[in-house]
N, C-alpha and C. Protein backbone atom coordinates (compact mmCIF):
# COMPACT_ATOMS: atom_id res chain seq x y z
N UNK A 1 9.11 -1.68 -1.06
CA UNK A 1 8.01 -0.99 -0.99
C UNK A 1 8.37 -0.31 0.00
N UNK A 2 8.64 -1.29 1.54
CA UNK A 2 8.92 -0.33 2.47
C UNK A 2 9.74 0.61 2.84
N UNK A 3 10.87 -0.16 1.92
CA UNK A 3 12.53 0.57 2.06
C UNK A 3 12.06 2.25 1.23
N UNK A 4 11.09 1.84 0.00
CA UNK A 4 10.88 3.06 -0.57
C UNK A 4 10.34 3.92 0.80
N UNK A 5 9.45 3.64 1.28
CA UNK A 5 8.48 4.38 2.00
C UNK A 5 9.74 5.43 3.28
N UNK A 6 10.39 4.03 3.45
CA UNK A 6 11.15 4.56 4.64
C UNK A 6 12.45 5.63 4.56
N UNK A 7 12.89 5.89 3.09
CA UNK A 7 13.92 6.56 2.74
C UNK A 7 13.33 7.97 2.72
N UNK A 8 11.82 7.96 2.61
CA UNK A 8 11.60 9.17 2.20
C UNK A 8 10.97 10.27 3.75
N UNK A 9 11.37 9.43 5.11
CA UNK A 9 11.13 10.07 6.01
C UNK A 9 12.60 9.82 6.68
N UNK A 10 13.76 9.12 6.53
CA UNK A 10 14.87 9.12 7.21
C UNK A 10 15.95 9.58 6.43
N UNK A 11 16.65 10.64 6.77
CA UNK A 11 17.44 11.14 6.05
C UNK A 11 19.00 10.58 7.00
N UNK A 12 20.34 10.84 6.29
CA UNK A 12 21.46 10.11 6.96
C UNK A 12 21.96 10.53 8.57
N UNK A 13 21.36 11.83 8.59
CA UNK A 13 21.90 12.38 9.59
C UNK A 13 20.49 12.25 10.91
N UNK A 14 19.96 11.64 10.60
CA UNK A 14 18.61 11.25 11.27
C UNK A 14 19.29 10.16 12.48
N UNK A 15 18.92 10.78 14.14
CA UNK A 15 19.37 10.38 15.23
C UNK A 15 18.65 8.56 15.00
N UNK A 16 19.30 7.64 15.21
CA UNK A 16 19.46 6.30 15.31
C UNK A 16 17.82 6.15 16.22
N UNK A 17 17.91 6.50 17.27
CA UNK A 17 16.69 6.15 17.92
C UNK A 17 15.52 6.42 17.13
N UNK A 18 15.64 7.34 16.55
CA UNK A 18 14.40 8.09 15.90
C UNK A 18 14.51 6.99 14.70
N UNK A 19 15.44 6.63 14.07
CA UNK A 19 15.36 5.48 12.69
C UNK A 19 14.38 4.35 13.20
N UNK A 20 14.43 3.87 14.56
CA UNK A 20 14.18 2.96 14.83
C UNK A 20 12.66 2.86 15.72
N UNK A 21 12.29 3.96 15.88
CA UNK A 21 11.21 4.21 16.20
C UNK A 21 10.28 4.30 14.70
N UNK A 22 10.73 4.85 13.78
CA UNK A 22 9.82 4.92 12.73
C UNK A 22 9.78 3.60 12.02
N UNK A 23 10.92 3.23 12.11
CA UNK A 23 10.64 1.72 11.37
C UNK A 23 9.84 0.53 12.51
N UNK A 24 9.90 0.66 13.63
CA UNK A 24 8.93 0.43 14.22
C UNK A 24 7.44 0.54 14.37
N UNK A 25 7.25 1.86 14.03
CA UNK A 25 5.66 2.40 13.88
C UNK A 25 5.25 1.70 12.75
N UNK A 26 5.92 1.97 11.60
CA UNK A 26 6.15 1.41 10.04
C UNK A 26 5.39 0.15 9.89
N UNK A 27 6.00 -1.02 10.54
CA UNK A 27 6.18 -2.19 11.28
C UNK A 27 4.66 -2.58 11.48
N UNK A 28 4.46 -2.10 12.68
CA UNK A 28 3.03 -1.96 13.39
C UNK A 28 2.35 -1.56 12.70
N UNK A 29 2.15 -0.19 11.79
CA UNK A 29 1.30 -0.32 11.22
C UNK A 29 0.96 -1.05 10.07
N UNK A 30 1.78 -1.50 9.73
CA UNK A 30 1.63 -2.44 8.21
C UNK A 30 0.99 -3.55 8.98
N UNK A 31 1.47 -4.41 9.97
CA UNK A 31 1.05 -5.72 10.52
C UNK A 31 -0.95 -5.10 10.87
N UNK A 32 -1.17 -4.41 11.31
CA UNK A 32 -2.45 -4.06 11.71
C UNK A 32 -3.29 -4.24 10.89
N UNK A 33 -2.87 -3.31 9.78
CA UNK A 33 -3.79 -3.43 8.37
C UNK A 33 -3.99 -4.53 7.97
N UNK A 34 -3.10 -5.40 7.54
CA UNK A 34 -2.79 -6.73 7.19
C UNK A 34 -3.55 -7.27 8.12
N UNK A 35 -4.01 -7.27 9.68
CA UNK A 35 -4.20 -8.38 10.47
C UNK A 35 -5.86 -7.57 10.21
N UNK A 36 -6.42 -6.74 9.92
CA UNK A 36 -7.66 -6.00 9.58
C UNK A 36 -8.01 -6.65 8.69
N UNK A 37 -7.08 -6.67 7.54
CA UNK A 37 -7.80 -7.20 6.20
C UNK A 37 -8.36 -8.44 6.25
N UNK A 38 -7.01 -9.21 6.68
CA UNK A 38 -7.37 -10.47 7.17
C UNK A 38 -8.74 -11.37 7.92
N UNK A 39 -8.56 -10.28 9.07
CA UNK A 39 -9.73 -10.43 9.46
C UNK A 39 -11.48 -10.14 8.75
N UNK A 40 -11.44 -9.02 8.64
CA UNK A 40 -12.64 -9.22 8.31
C UNK A 40 -13.22 -9.56 6.73
N UNK A 41 -12.05 -9.85 5.77
CA UNK A 41 -12.02 -11.16 4.57
C UNK A 41 -12.38 -12.44 5.12
N UNK A 42 -12.36 -12.62 6.31
CA UNK A 42 -12.35 -14.05 6.92
C UNK A 42 -13.65 -14.49 7.33
N UNK A 43 -14.73 -13.37 7.29
CA UNK A 43 -16.08 -13.43 7.65
C UNK A 43 -16.74 -13.85 6.18
N UNK A 44 -17.10 -15.08 6.04
CA UNK A 44 -18.19 -15.92 5.07
C UNK A 44 -18.62 -14.69 4.27
N UNK A 45 -19.85 -14.15 4.81
CA UNK A 45 -20.88 -12.90 4.19
C UNK A 45 -19.93 -12.00 3.63
N UNK A 46 -18.76 -11.35 4.06
CA UNK A 46 -18.32 -10.25 3.68
C UNK A 46 -17.57 -10.79 2.54
N UNK A 47 -16.87 -12.12 2.55
CA UNK A 47 -15.79 -12.08 1.55
C UNK A 47 -17.27 -12.98 0.49
N UNK A 48 -18.03 -13.59 0.64
CA UNK A 48 -18.85 -13.75 -0.85
C UNK A 48 -19.31 -13.06 -1.38
N UNK A 49 -19.80 -11.56 -0.80
CA UNK A 49 -20.44 -10.21 -1.18
C UNK A 49 -18.64 -9.53 -1.87
N UNK A 50 -17.78 -9.67 -1.39
CA UNK A 50 -16.78 -9.10 -1.97
C UNK A 50 -16.38 -9.79 -3.18
N UNK A 51 -16.58 -10.77 -3.10
CA UNK A 51 -16.59 -11.87 -4.66
C UNK A 51 -16.88 -11.30 -5.66
N UNK A 52 -18.32 -10.75 -5.44
CA UNK A 52 -19.30 -11.00 -6.26
C UNK A 52 -19.03 -9.74 -7.11
N UNK A 53 -18.02 -8.59 -6.54
CA UNK A 53 -17.88 -7.34 -6.73
C UNK A 53 -16.47 -7.24 -7.14
N UNK A 54 -15.49 -8.07 -7.04
CA UNK A 54 -14.18 -7.97 -6.82
C UNK A 54 -13.90 -7.78 -7.93
N UNK A 55 -14.61 -8.52 -9.56
CA UNK A 55 -14.22 -8.10 -10.80
C UNK A 55 -13.91 -6.46 -11.45
N UNK A 56 -15.13 -5.78 -10.61
CA UNK A 56 -14.99 -4.33 -10.79
C UNK A 56 -13.99 -3.74 -10.27
N UNK A 57 -13.62 -4.11 -8.96
CA UNK A 57 -12.63 -3.09 -8.45
C UNK A 57 -11.13 -3.50 -9.05
N UNK A 58 -11.10 -5.05 -9.60
CA UNK A 58 -10.09 -5.50 -10.41
C UNK A 58 -9.80 -4.54 -11.80
N UNK A 59 -11.39 -4.18 -12.43
CA UNK A 59 -11.02 -3.53 -13.76
C UNK A 59 -10.56 -2.16 -13.22
N UNK A 60 -11.34 -1.46 -12.40
CA UNK A 60 -11.59 -0.18 -11.97
C UNK A 60 -9.70 0.08 -11.84
N UNK A 61 -9.13 -0.58 -10.87
CA UNK A 61 -8.03 -0.26 -10.43
C UNK A 61 -6.81 -0.78 -11.07
N UNK A 62 -7.37 -2.00 -12.43
CA UNK A 62 -6.24 -1.83 -13.23
C UNK A 62 -6.29 -0.57 -13.93
N UNK A 63 -7.04 0.08 -14.41
CA UNK A 63 -7.26 0.96 -15.43
C UNK A 63 -6.73 2.45 -14.95
N UNK A 64 -6.88 2.53 -13.64
CA UNK A 64 -6.40 3.35 -12.99
C UNK A 64 -4.97 3.40 -13.06
N UNK A 65 -4.18 2.23 -12.64
CA UNK A 65 -2.80 2.29 -12.76
C UNK A 65 -2.29 2.08 -14.29
N UNK A 66 -3.13 1.68 -15.29
CA UNK A 66 -2.66 1.82 -16.42
C UNK A 66 -2.74 3.72 -17.05
N UNK A 67 -3.86 4.26 -16.56
CA UNK A 67 -3.36 5.66 -16.56
C UNK A 67 -2.58 6.42 -15.94
N UNK A 68 -2.03 5.96 -14.76
CA UNK A 68 -1.10 6.38 -14.45
C UNK A 68 0.18 5.92 -14.94
N UNK A 69 0.29 4.62 -15.49
CA UNK A 69 1.60 4.52 -16.08
C UNK A 69 1.95 5.52 -17.48
N UNK A 70 0.54 5.42 -18.08
CA UNK A 70 0.56 6.27 -19.29
C UNK A 70 1.00 7.61 -18.95
N UNK A 71 0.68 8.08 -17.86
CA UNK A 71 0.94 10.05 -17.52
C UNK A 71 2.64 9.93 -17.37
N UNK A 72 2.91 9.04 -16.71
CA UNK A 72 4.79 9.00 -16.26
C UNK A 72 5.43 9.06 -17.55
N UNK A 73 4.90 7.96 -18.56
CA UNK A 73 5.61 7.67 -19.41
C UNK A 73 5.60 9.14 -20.44
N UNK A 74 4.49 9.83 -19.99
CA UNK A 74 4.52 10.81 -21.00
C UNK A 74 5.34 12.28 -20.50
N UNK A 75 5.34 12.07 -18.74
CA UNK A 75 6.29 12.97 -18.29
C UNK A 75 7.43 12.89 -18.73
N UNK A 76 7.92 11.78 -18.61
CA UNK A 76 9.40 11.35 -18.74
C UNK A 76 9.54 12.01 -19.95
N UNK A 77 9.16 11.82 -21.43
CA UNK A 77 9.40 11.85 -22.60
C UNK A 77 9.27 13.14 -23.26
N UNK A 78 8.66 14.34 -21.82
CA UNK A 78 9.38 15.98 -22.58
C UNK A 78 10.49 16.46 -21.94
């Protein structure tokens, strides 16, 4: 996933220092995001409330992914 994102902003002629900067920035943002999520979900009250509605999120995003997959499949067949 990260390589896929990385290749969207890096070209073969991009200076090495800029490549390193992009890589460090993306790594830092990922670390901060996952640290935030882990910290928030470590709170018992938040975790228990999230667990009670988790099935709704799972169904919604599962349906969204199915629709996206169908769209991709139909686009490729045209």
